[in-house]
Amino acid sequence: MKLDENKTSLNADNLKMVREYLKAKTADLMYQGVLCLIADALDTAIVDGDCYITIGVTKPKDAILLTVHHKGAKGRAGGLTLSEVSKDAERLL
């Protein structure tokens, strides 16, 4: 029997790669904050573990909310649109 073996390792350079990409793509700046935050959370999870993101809407459905969870701490970014969430996410970086 041949089983898949995970011989690859994850690299914690996602944020660096996203920022390099965004330098060349100025049209993507509207969502730069949320994209960088996702990359940073992935890098943190790879290096330090126990880091993840949840995204949804508030209970009254009056805002979009993105929450970063890391070792019991939380950081939140919110807005009425994804572009507003992205702008708010920049302060978590």
C-alpha atoms as a PDB file:
ATOM      1  CA  MET A   1       0.000   0.000   0.000  1.00  0.00           C
ATOM      2  CA  LYS A   2       1.258   3.479  -0.896  1.00  0.00           C
ATOM      3  CA  LEU A   3       0.186   6.286   1.389  1.00  0.00           C
ATOM      4  CA  ASP A   4       0.639   9.962   0.849  1.00  0.00           C
ATOM      5  CA  GLU A   5       3.411  11.294   2.989  1.00  0.00           C
ATOM      6  CA  ASN A   6       3.628  14.958   3.760  1.00  0.00           C
ATOM      7  CA  LYS A   7       7.212  15.726   2.783  1.00  0.00           C
ATOM      8  CA  THR A   8       6.669  19.429   2.316  1.00  0.00           C
ATOM      9  CA  SER A   9       6.864  22.076   4.964  1.00  0.00           C
ATOM     10  CA  LEU A  10       5.024  25.358   5.183  1.00  0.00           C
ATOM     11  CA  ASN A  11       6.920  28.605   4.826  1.00  0.00           C
ATOM     12  CA  ALA A  12       5.985  31.615   6.896  1.00  0.00           C
ATOM     13  CA  ASP A  13       6.546  34.152   4.130  1.00  0.00           C
ATOM     14  CA  ASN A  14       2.955  34.699   2.991  1.00  0.00           C
ATOM     15  CA  LEU A  15       2.788  38.339   4.103  1.00  0.00           C
ATOM     16  CA  LYS A  16       6.078  39.106   2.334  1.00  0.00           C
ATOM     17  CA  MET A  17       4.826  37.482  -0.871  1.00  0.00           C
ATOM     18  CA  VAL A  18       1.500  39.361  -0.776  1.00  0.00           C
ATOM     19  CA  ARG A  19       3.224  42.709  -0.211  1.00  0.00           C
ATOM     20  CA  GLU A  20       5.609  42.031  -3.107  1.00  0.00           C
ATOM     21  CA  TYR A  21       2.642  41.165  -5.333  1.00  0.00           C
ATOM     22  CA  LEU A  22       0.707  44.267  -4.304  1.00  0.00           C
ATOM     23  CA  LYS A  23       3.642  46.548  -5.146  1.00  0.00           C
ATOM     24  CA  ALA A  24       3.236  45.508  -8.771  1.00  0.00           C
ATOM     25  CA  LYS A  25      -0.585  45.541  -8.757  1.00  0.00           C
ATOM     26  CA  THR A  26      -1.867  48.953  -7.673  1.00  0.00           C
ATOM     27  CA  ALA A  27      -5.443  48.051  -8.671  1.00  0.00           C
ATOM     28  CA  ASP A  28      -5.594  45.547  -5.794  1.00  0.00           C
ATOM     29  CA  LEU A  29      -4.981  48.168  -3.106  1.00  0.00           C
ATOM     30  CA  MET A  30      -8.679  48.282  -2.155  1.00  0.00           C
ATOM     31  CA  TYR A  31      -8.345  44.865  -0.490  1.00  0.00           C
ATOM     32  CA  GLN A  32      -4.716  45.130   0.607  1.00  0.00           C
ATOM     33  CA  GLY A  33      -5.541  45.247   4.326  1.00  0.00           C
ATOM     34  CA  VAL A  34      -7.616  42.068   4.451  1.00  0.00           C
ATOM     35  CA  LEU A  35      -5.254  40.195   2.132  1.00  0.00           C
ATOM     36  CA  CYS A  36      -2.215  41.138   4.222  1.00  0.00           C
ATOM     37  CA  LEU A  37      -4.047  40.269   7.442  1.00  0.00           C
ATOM     38  CA  ILE A  38      -4.891  36.794   6.115  1.00  0.00           C
ATOM     39  CA  ALA A  39      -1.268  36.292   5.055  1.00  0.00           C
ATOM     40  CA  ASP A  40       0.000  37.513   8.435  1.00  0.00           C
ATOM     41  CA  ALA A  41      -2.374  35.186  10.306  1.00  0.00           C
ATOM     42  CA  LEU A  42      -1.165  32.249   8.202  1.00  0.00           C
ATOM     43  CA  ASP A  43       2.463  33.137   8.915  1.00  0.00           C
ATOM     44  CA  THR A  44       1.690  33.409  12.641  1.00  0.00           C
ATOM     45  CA  ALA A  45      -0.057  30.024  12.604  1.00  0.00           C
ATOM     46  CA  ILE A  46       2.923  28.418  10.851  1.00  0.00           C
ATOM     47  CA  VAL A  47       5.504  29.908  13.210  1.00  0.00           C
ATOM     48  CA  ASP A  48       3.620  30.139  16.498  1.00  0.00           C
ATOM     49  CA  GLY A  49       0.501  27.984  16.098  1.00  0.00           C
ATOM     50  CA  ASP A  50      -2.997  28.564  17.428  1.00  0.00           C
ATOM     51  CA  CYS A  51      -3.937  31.394  15.058  1.00  0.00           C
ATOM     52  CA  TYR A  52      -7.027  31.516  12.878  1.00  0.00           C
ATOM     53  CA  ILE A  53      -9.551  33.929  11.337  1.00  0.00           C
ATOM     54  CA  THR A  54     -13.332  33.918  11.425  1.00  0.00           C
ATOM     55  CA  ILE A  55     -15.450  36.086   9.166  1.00  0.00           C
ATOM     56  CA  GLY A  56     -19.178  36.697   9.118  1.00  0.00           C
ATOM     57  CA  VAL A  57     -21.783  39.280   9.985  1.00  0.00           C
ATOM     58  CA  THR A  58     -22.917  40.666  13.318  1.00  0.00           C
ATOM     59  CA  LYS A  59     -26.073  39.219  14.922  1.00  0.00           C
ATOM     60  CA  PRO A  60     -28.228  42.172  13.845  1.00  0.00           C
ATOM     61  CA  LYS A  61     -26.705  41.800  10.348  1.00  0.00           C
ATOM     62  CA  ASP A  62     -25.623  45.420  10.257  1.00  0.00           C
ATOM     63  CA  ALA A  63     -21.868  44.920   9.695  1.00  0.00           C
ATOM     64  CA  ILE A  64     -19.283  42.486   8.361  1.00  0.00           C
ATOM     65  CA  LEU A  65     -16.877  41.317  11.049  1.00  0.00           C
ATOM     66  CA  LEU A  66     -13.480  39.663  10.647  1.00  0.00           C
ATOM     67  CA  THR A  67     -11.877  38.346  13.834  1.00  0.00           C
ATOM     68  CA  VAL A  68      -8.299  37.138  14.260  1.00  0.00           C
ATOM     69  CA  HIS A  69      -7.845  34.682  17.131  1.00  0.00           C
ATOM     70  CA  HIS A  70      -4.369  34.052  18.561  1.00  0.00           C
ATOM     71  CA  LYS A  71      -3.695  32.228  21.815  1.00  0.00           C
ATOM     72  CA  GLY A  72      -6.866  33.502  23.469  1.00  0.00           C
ATOM     73  CA  ALA A  73      -6.499  37.094  22.243  1.00  0.00           C
ATOM     74  CA  LYS A  74      -8.769  38.578  19.570  1.00  0.00           C
ATOM     75  CA  GLY A  75      -8.467  41.407  17.095  1.00  0.00           C
ATOM     76  CA  ARG A  76     -11.457  42.583  15.074  1.00  0.00           C
ATOM     77  CA  ALA A  77     -11.948  44.497  11.844  1.00  0.00           C
ATOM     78  CA  GLY A  78     -15.386  45.517  10.653  1.00  0.00           C
ATOM     79  CA  GLY A  79     -17.320  47.562   8.174  1.00  0.00           C
ATOM     80  CA  LEU A  80     -20.366  47.736   5.936  1.00  0.00           C
ATOM     81  CA  THR A  81     -18.482  46.393   2.897  1.00  0.00           C
ATOM     82  CA  LEU A  82     -15.475  44.153   2.346  1.00  0.00           C
ATOM     83  CA  SER A  83     -13.455  47.191   1.289  1.00  0.00           C
ATOM     84  CA  GLU A  84     -14.289  48.886   4.622  1.00  0.00           C
ATOM     85  CA  VAL A  85     -13.279  45.723   6.496  1.00  0.00           C
ATOM     86  CA  SER A  86     -10.035  45.707   4.524  1.00  0.00           C
ATOM     87  CA  LYS A  87      -9.306  49.326   5.446  1.00  0.00           C
ATOM     88  CA  ASP A  88     -10.042  48.599   9.121  1.00  0.00           C
ATOM     89  CA  ALA A  89      -7.880  45.448   9.009  1.00  0.00           C
ATOM     90  CA  GLU A  90      -4.778  47.577   8.314  1.00  0.00           C
ATOM     91  CA  ARG A  91      -4.694  48.703  11.945  1.00  0.00           C
ATOM     92  CA  LEU A  92      -4.266  45.052  13.051  1.00  0.00           C
ATOM     93  CA  LEU A  93      -1.073  44.638  11.015  1.00  0.00           C
END
